[in-house]
């Protein structure tokens, strides 16, 4: 699951990024509003974490532009602004939640999970049916065989979420490089990781489309 983080304080930006990535999220972190906006137009995110007071385009202005363009991606403001006027403005613009600095990272994770509950992976139901036997719990990031959890590595979770996000379409090796690793990765290694994931599910859920990539049926 992809999250965009806008935070100009280096230490906090790195702490949030590390914590969320350890929890299985993919995070693109930015210092300024303009570069964050460019990334939003180029990529698909499931949630925005937006500091308000950042260089250039601030968090309020960024979300306002997105809402006017029809983007309804859940957004949480993270800010040191505490007065009621700013709180009210954030919700009027269209944020899902508002967390005041300083905060515990666990609190952020709880608020994030709540905001994603109805939006996660573009479904009103966080439980995604893959077959008669397998489901993916997008709220808690768990692969389930009936009610039994199947252990996945962080990379395997990212691969599966990428396939679910593009369900019905073929995901190329280049797309896996961009969306799972964020950089060039040896195609042979990518295939090894995908095959490890396929072996954890008995059903033929992930299809190898020879010469093109992999897909999960719609």
Protein backbone atom coordinates (compact mmCIF):
# COMPACT_ATOMS: atom_id res chain seq x y z
CA UNK A 1 0.00 0.00 0.00
CA UNK A 2 1.45 3.34 -1.09
CA UNK A 3 1.50 6.34 1.23
CA UNK A 4 2.72 9.84 0.43
CA UNK A 5 4.37 11.69 3.30
CA UNK A 6 4.91 15.44 3.25
CA UNK A 7 7.12 16.53 6.16
CA UNK A 8 9.93 19.09 6.12
CA UNK A 9 11.55 18.06 9.43
CA UNK A 10 14.22 15.55 8.41
CA UNK A 11 14.32 13.55 11.65
CA UNK A 12 10.56 13.13 11.86
CA UNK A 13 10.29 12.37 8.15
CA UNK A 14 12.85 9.59 8.46
CA UNK A 15 11.27 8.20 11.65
CA UNK A 16 7.77 8.05 10.16
CA UNK A 17 9.09 6.51 6.94
CA UNK A 18 11.07 3.81 8.73
CA UNK A 19 8.20 2.96 11.10
CA UNK A 20 5.60 2.65 8.36
CA UNK A 21 7.88 0.67 6.05
CA UNK A 22 8.61 -1.74 8.90
CA UNK A 23 4.81 -2.11 9.21
CA UNK A 24 4.55 -3.16 5.57
CA UNK A 25 3.66 0.14 3.88
CA UNK A 26 5.44 1.71 0.93
CA UNK A 27 6.24 5.37 1.64
CA UNK A 28 7.29 8.18 -0.69
CA UNK A 29 8.52 11.04 1.49
CA UNK A 30 8.91 14.68 0.44
CA UNK A 31 10.08 17.90 2.04
CA UNK A 32 8.20 20.43 -0.11
CA UNK A 33 4.64 20.70 -1.38
CA UNK A 34 5.44 21.17 -5.06
CA UNK A 35 7.47 17.98 -5.35
CA UNK A 36 4.78 16.09 -3.43
CA UNK A 37 2.12 17.37 -5.84
CA UNK A 38 4.19 16.27 -8.83
CA UNK A 39 4.50 12.79 -7.34
CA UNK A 40 0.74 12.58 -6.76
CA UNK A 41 0.08 13.33 -10.43
CA UNK A 42 2.59 10.65 -11.47
CA UNK A 43 1.70 7.88 -8.98
CA UNK A 44 -1.25 6.36 -7.19
CA UNK A 45 -1.40 6.60 -3.39
CA UNK A 46 -3.89 5.16 -0.94
CA UNK A 47 -3.32 7.84 1.71
CA UNK A 48 -1.65 11.23 2.19
CA UNK A 49 0.16 12.27 5.39
CA UNK A 50 0.57 16.02 5.13
CA UNK A 51 2.42 18.46 7.35
CA UNK A 52 0.89 21.91 7.04
CA UNK A 53 3.89 24.20 7.44
CA UNK A 54 6.27 23.12 4.69
CA UNK A 55 8.30 25.03 2.07
CA UNK A 56 6.43 26.32 -0.96
CA UNK A 57 2.96 24.83 -1.35
CA UNK A 58 1.76 24.10 2.20
CA UNK A 59 -0.32 21.13 3.27
CA UNK A 60 -3.62 23.02 3.28
CA UNK A 61 -3.00 24.40 -0.21
CA UNK A 62 -1.92 21.01 -1.53
CA UNK A 63 -5.00 19.15 -0.31
CA UNK A 64 -7.28 21.98 -1.42
CA UNK A 65 -5.93 21.69 -4.98
CA UNK A 66 -6.39 17.92 -4.94
CA UNK A 67 -9.97 18.09 -3.67
CA UNK A 68 -10.88 20.68 -6.31
CA UNK A 69 -9.48 18.34 -8.98
CA UNK A 70 -11.69 15.51 -7.70
CA UNK A 71 -9.04 13.53 -5.81
CA UNK A 72 -10.72 11.92 -2.77
CA UNK A 73 -7.71 10.02 -1.42
CA UNK A 74 -7.85 9.92 2.43
CA UNK A 75 -5.56 12.53 4.02
CA UNK A 76 -4.27 13.08 7.54
CA UNK A 77 -2.74 16.40 8.58
CA UNK A 78 0.25 16.17 10.92
CA UNK A 79 1.07 19.57 12.37
CA UNK A 80 2.08 21.64 15.37
CA UNK A 81 -0.81 24.07 14.69
CA UNK A 82 -3.25 23.54 17.53
CA UNK A 83 -5.85 26.32 17.43
CA UNK A 84 -9.45 25.55 16.57
CA UNK A 85 -9.38 27.71 13.43
CA UNK A 86 -6.69 25.54 11.84
CA UNK A 87 -8.41 22.36 12.99
CA UNK A 88 -11.66 23.53 11.42
CA UNK A 89 -9.91 24.58 8.21
CA UNK A 90 -8.31 21.15 7.82
CA UNK A 91 -11.64 19.35 7.99
CA UNK A 92 -13.35 21.91 5.75
CA UNK A 93 -10.72 21.26 3.07
CA UNK A 94 -11.43 17.55 3.29
CA UNK A 95 -8.97 15.79 5.57
CA UNK A 96 -9.86 12.45 7.18
CA UNK A 97 -8.06 13.17 10.45
CA UNK A 98 -5.76 15.62 12.19
CA UNK A 99 -2.87 14.61 14.44
CA UNK A 100 -1.01 17.17 16.54
CA UNK A 101 2.74 17.16 17.09
CA UNK A 102 4.36 15.70 19.07
CA UNK A 103 2.76 12.29 18.76
CA UNK A 104 3.59 8.63 19.25
CA UNK A 105 4.19 6.70 16.04
CA UNK A 106 1.78 4.04 17.25
CA UNK A 107 -0.95 6.68 17.46
CA UNK A 108 -0.22 7.64 13.87
CA UNK A 109 -0.51 4.00 12.81
CA UNK A 110 -3.89 3.68 14.57
CA UNK A 111 -5.25 6.83 12.92
CA UNK A 112 -3.89 5.73 9.57
CA UNK A 113 -5.60 2.33 9.83
CA UNK A 114 -8.87 4.05 10.71
CA UNK A 115 -8.65 6.42 7.74
CA UNK A 116 -7.95 3.51 5.39
CA UNK A 117 -10.73 1.32 6.70
CA UNK A 118 -13.28 2.25 4.03
CA UNK A 119 -10.83 3.28 1.33
CA UNK A 120 -8.14 0.66 1.36
CA UNK A 121 -7.23 -0.52 -2.14
CA UNK A 122 -10.35 1.15 -3.57
CA UNK A 123 -12.87 -1.16 -1.97
CA UNK A 124 -15.57 -0.60 0.62
CA UNK A 125 -14.66 -3.98 2.09
CA UNK A 126 -11.13 -4.35 3.42
CA UNK A 127 -11.40 -8.14 2.98
CA UNK A 128 -10.48 -8.88 -0.63
CA UNK A 129 -11.54 -12.27 -2.00
CA UNK A 130 -8.84 -13.93 -4.11
CA UNK A 131 -10.48 -17.37 -4.43
CA UNK A 132 -12.78 -19.69 -2.54
CA UNK A 133 -9.93 -20.39 -0.13
CA UNK A 134 -7.86 -17.22 -0.03
CA UNK A 135 -8.60 -13.67 1.05
CA UNK A 136 -6.43 -10.63 1.65
CA UNK A 137 -7.17 -8.52 4.73
CA UNK A 138 -6.17 -5.08 3.43
CA UNK A 139 -6.81 -3.41 6.77
CA UNK A 140 -4.35 -5.58 8.69
CA UNK A 141 -2.18 -6.61 5.70
CA UNK A 142 -2.73 -10.35 6.14
CA UNK A 143 -3.10 -13.18 3.63
CA UNK A 144 -5.70 -15.64 4.93
CA UNK A 145 -6.49 -19.21 3.93
CA UNK A 146 -9.99 -19.44 5.36
CA UNK A 147 -9.20 -18.06 8.86
CA UNK A 148 -5.56 -19.15 8.95
CA UNK A 149 -2.89 -16.51 8.42
CA UNK A 150 -0.19 -17.28 5.87
CA UNK A 151 3.11 -15.66 6.81
CA UNK A 152 4.45 -13.27 4.18
CA UNK A 153 7.64 -11.29 4.06
CA UNK A 154 7.45 -7.52 3.60
CA UNK A 155 8.47 -7.92 -0.05
CA UNK A 156 5.84 -10.60 -0.64
CA UNK A 157 3.15 -8.33 0.82
CA UNK A 158 4.21 -5.53 -1.51
CA UNK A 159 4.16 -7.85 -4.51
CA UNK A 160 0.68 -9.12 -3.63
CA UNK A 161 -0.69 -5.61 -3.03
CA UNK A 162 0.74 -4.46 -6.36
CA UNK A 163 -1.01 -7.33 -8.14
CA UNK A 164 -4.27 -6.59 -6.31
CA UNK A 165 -4.05 -2.89 -7.14
CA UNK A 166 -3.73 -3.77 -10.84
CA UNK A 167 -6.17 -6.69 -10.64
CA UNK A 168 -7.27 -7.84 -14.06
CA UNK A 169 -4.24 -6.29 -15.76
CA UNK A 170 -0.75 -7.65 -16.38
CA UNK A 171 1.96 -6.21 -14.12
CA UNK A 172 5.29 -6.05 -15.92
CA UNK A 173 8.72 -6.58 -14.39
CA UNK A 174 9.35 -2.85 -14.79
CA UNK A 175 6.20 -2.06 -12.78
CA UNK A 176 7.34 -4.37 -9.99
CA UNK A 177 10.70 -2.58 -9.99
CA UNK A 178 9.00 0.79 -9.62
CA UNK A 179 6.19 -0.09 -7.20
CA UNK A 180 7.81 -2.72 -4.97
CA UNK A 181 11.50 -1.83 -4.93
CA UNK A 182 11.49 1.77 -6.19
CA UNK A 183 14.67 1.10 -8.16
CA UNK A 184 16.20 -1.32 -10.65
CA UNK A 185 16.10 -4.91 -9.47
CA UNK A 186 17.44 -7.95 -11.31
CA UNK A 187 14.42 -9.44 -13.16
CA UNK A 188 15.57 -12.93 -12.17
CA UNK A 189 15.37 -11.95 -8.49
CA UNK A 190 11.90 -10.49 -9.00
CA UNK A 191 10.72 -13.76 -10.54
CA UNK A 192 12.20 -15.70 -7.62
CA UNK A 193 10.29 -13.54 -5.13
CA UNK A 194 7.04 -13.89 -7.08
CA UNK A 195 7.44 -17.67 -7.30
CA UNK A 196 8.01 -17.85 -3.52
CA UNK A 197 4.70 -16.02 -3.07
CA UNK A 198 2.91 -18.29 -5.58
CA UNK A 199 4.07 -21.41 -3.70
CA UNK A 200 2.39 -20.14 -0.52
CA UNK A 201 -1.01 -20.33 -2.23
CA UNK A 202 -2.15 -23.69 -3.61
CA UNK A 203 -4.69 -22.18 -5.97
CA UNK A 204 -3.50 -20.80 -9.28
CA UNK A 205 -4.12 -17.19 -8.24
CA UNK A 206 -1.07 -15.44 -9.68
CA UNK A 207 -0.80 -16.11 -13.41
CA UNK A 208 2.47 -15.94 -15.35
CA UNK A 209 1.73 -14.25 -18.66
CA UNK A 210 4.73 -15.36 -20.67
CA UNK A 211 6.84 -12.51 -21.96
CA UNK A 212 4.62 -9.84 -20.36
CA UNK A 213 4.48 -10.25 -16.58
CA UNK A 214 2.05 -11.50 -13.93
CA UNK A 215 -1.58 -10.90 -13.09
CA UNK A 216 -4.42 -11.72 -10.71
CA UNK A 217 -7.80 -12.16 -12.41
CA UNK A 218 -10.46 -9.51 -11.84
